Amino acid sequence: RTYLKLVEEPFTSLPLELAVQTIVALAVSLAGNIGMSSGFMSLSDRSTLST
């Protein structure tokens, strides 16, 4: 029961924020896919080289 409350409370108090986070995550992954095919990967190449 406490677990259910922990899961339910963020949903009832921040449903919009959760939806925004999901949309942002989807947009980022989508932009990453589009960027890779359009030659945007010089940015991701730089980050992979630095790590």
N, C-alpha and C. Protein backbone atom coordinates (compact mmCIF):
# COMPACT_ATOMS: atom_id res chain seq x y z
N ARG A 1 0.82 -1.21 0.00
CA ARG A 1 0.00 0.00 0.00
C ARG A 1 0.85 1.27 0.00
N THR A 2 1.92 1.29 0.76
CA THR A 2 2.78 2.48 0.75
C THR A 2 3.44 2.63 -0.61
N TYR A 3 3.78 1.51 -1.23
CA TYR A 3 4.39 1.55 -2.57
C TYR A 3 3.42 2.14 -3.58
N LEU A 4 2.16 1.72 -3.48
CA LEU A 4 1.14 2.24 -4.40
C LEU A 4 0.99 3.75 -4.23
N LYS A 5 1.05 4.20 -2.97
CA LYS A 5 0.93 5.63 -2.71
C LYS A 5 2.13 6.38 -3.29
N LEU A 6 3.31 5.80 -3.16
CA LEU A 6 4.51 6.43 -3.70
C LEU A 6 4.43 6.55 -5.22
N VAL A 7 3.82 5.54 -5.84
CA VAL A 7 3.70 5.56 -7.30
C VAL A 7 2.59 6.51 -7.73
N GLU A 8 1.50 6.50 -6.99
CA GLU A 8 0.34 7.29 -7.39
C GLU A 8 0.55 8.79 -7.16
N GLU A 9 1.22 9.15 -6.07
CA GLU A 9 1.29 10.57 -5.72
C GLU A 9 1.97 11.44 -6.79
N PRO A 10 3.12 11.06 -7.32
CA PRO A 10 3.72 11.90 -8.36
C PRO A 10 2.81 12.05 -9.57
N PHE A 11 2.05 10.99 -9.88
CA PHE A 11 1.17 11.05 -11.04
C PHE A 11 0.03 12.04 -10.83
N THR A 12 -0.52 12.06 -9.62
CA THR A 12 -1.66 12.94 -9.36
C THR A 12 -1.20 14.38 -9.15
N SER A 13 0.00 14.57 -8.62
CA SER A 13 0.45 15.93 -8.33
C SER A 13 1.19 16.56 -9.51
N LEU A 14 1.86 15.73 -10.32
CA LEU A 14 2.61 16.27 -11.46
C LEU A 14 2.31 15.52 -12.75
N PRO A 15 1.05 15.46 -13.16
CA PRO A 15 0.76 14.73 -14.40
C PRO A 15 1.29 15.46 -15.62
N LEU A 16 1.26 16.79 -15.57
CA LEU A 16 1.72 17.59 -16.70
C LEU A 16 3.23 17.47 -16.84
N GLU A 17 3.94 17.59 -15.72
CA GLU A 17 5.39 17.53 -15.75
C GLU A 17 5.87 16.18 -16.26
N LEU A 18 5.16 15.13 -15.86
CA LEU A 18 5.52 13.79 -16.31
C LEU A 18 5.31 13.67 -17.82
N ALA A 19 4.20 14.22 -18.29
CA ALA A 19 3.91 14.18 -19.73
C ALA A 19 4.96 14.98 -20.50
N VAL A 20 5.34 16.13 -19.96
CA VAL A 20 6.36 16.96 -20.61
C VAL A 20 7.68 16.22 -20.68
N GLN A 21 8.05 15.55 -19.59
CA GLN A 21 9.31 14.80 -19.57
C GLN A 21 9.30 13.70 -20.61
N THR A 22 8.17 13.01 -20.75
CA THR A 22 8.06 11.95 -21.74
C THR A 22 8.19 12.50 -23.15
N ILE A 23 7.51 13.62 -23.41
CA ILE A 23 7.56 14.25 -24.73
C ILE A 23 8.97 14.73 -25.04
N VAL A 24 9.63 15.32 -24.05
CA VAL A 24 11.00 15.81 -24.24
C VAL A 24 11.93 14.64 -24.55
N ALA A 25 11.78 13.55 -23.80
CA ALA A 25 12.63 12.38 -24.03
C ALA A 25 12.43 11.83 -25.44
N LEU A 26 11.18 11.78 -25.87
CA LEU A 26 10.88 11.30 -27.22
C LEU A 26 11.44 12.26 -28.27
N ALA A 27 11.29 13.55 -28.03
CA ALA A 27 11.78 14.54 -28.98
C ALA A 27 13.30 14.48 -29.10
N VAL A 28 13.98 14.27 -27.97
CA VAL A 28 15.44 14.20 -27.98
C VAL A 28 15.91 12.99 -28.77
N SER A 29 15.29 11.84 -28.55
CA SER A 29 15.69 10.64 -29.28
C SER A 29 15.37 10.79 -30.77
N LEU A 30 14.25 11.43 -31.06
CA LEU A 30 13.86 11.65 -32.45
C LEU A 30 14.84 12.61 -33.12
N ALA A 31 15.18 13.69 -32.42
CA ALA A 31 16.13 14.67 -32.96
C ALA A 31 17.48 14.02 -33.17
N GLY A 32 17.86 13.10 -32.27
CA GLY A 32 19.12 12.39 -32.42
C GLY A 32 19.14 11.54 -33.67
N ASN A 33 18.02 10.87 -33.95
CA ASN A 33 17.93 10.03 -35.14
C ASN A 33 17.97 10.88 -36.40
N ILE A 34 17.24 11.98 -36.40
CA ILE A 34 17.21 12.88 -37.56
C ILE A 34 18.59 13.52 -37.75
N GLY A 35 19.18 13.96 -36.64
CA GLY A 35 20.49 14.61 -36.71
C GLY A 35 21.55 13.69 -37.28
N MET A 36 21.50 12.42 -36.93
CA MET A 36 22.49 11.47 -37.42
C MET A 36 22.41 11.34 -38.93
N SER A 37 21.20 11.34 -39.47
CA SER A 37 21.03 11.13 -40.90
C SER A 37 21.27 12.41 -41.69
N SER A 38 21.23 13.56 -41.03
CA SER A 38 21.41 14.82 -41.75
C SER A 38 22.80 15.43 -41.51
N GLY A 39 23.71 14.64 -40.96
CA GLY A 39 25.08 15.12 -40.78
C GLY A 39 25.26 15.98 -39.55
N PHE A 40 24.44 15.76 -38.54
CA PHE A 40 24.53 16.49 -37.29
C PHE A 40 25.49 15.77 -36.35
N MET A 41 26.02 14.61 -36.79
CA MET A 41 26.74 13.74 -35.89
C MET A 41 28.13 14.23 -35.55
N SER A 42 28.56 15.33 -36.12
CA SER A 42 29.84 15.90 -35.71
C SER A 42 29.80 16.26 -34.23
N LEU A 43 28.61 16.62 -33.75
CA LEU A 43 28.43 16.95 -32.35
C LEU A 43 28.52 15.70 -31.48
N SER A 44 27.84 14.63 -31.90
CA SER A 44 27.88 13.39 -31.13
C SER A 44 29.25 12.73 -31.24
N ASP A 45 29.91 12.90 -32.38
CA ASP A 45 31.26 12.35 -32.55
C ASP A 45 32.22 12.99 -31.55
N ARG A 46 32.07 14.29 -31.36
CA ARG A 46 32.94 15.00 -30.43
C ARG A 46 32.74 14.50 -29.00
N SER A 47 31.48 14.26 -28.63
CA SER A 47 31.19 13.81 -27.27
C SER A 47 31.69 12.38 -27.05
N THR A 48 31.64 11.54 -28.07
CA THR A 48 32.12 10.17 -27.91
C THR A 48 33.64 10.14 -27.86
N LEU A 49 34.29 11.08 -28.53
CA LEU A 49 35.75 11.14 -28.50
C LEU A 49 36.25 11.61 -27.14
N SER A 50 35.52 12.54 -26.52
CA SER A 50 35.97 13.09 -25.24
C SER A 50 35.80 12.09 -24.10
N THR A 51 34.84 11.18 -24.22
CA THR A 51 34.63 10.21 -23.15
C THR A 51 35.57 9.04 -23.30
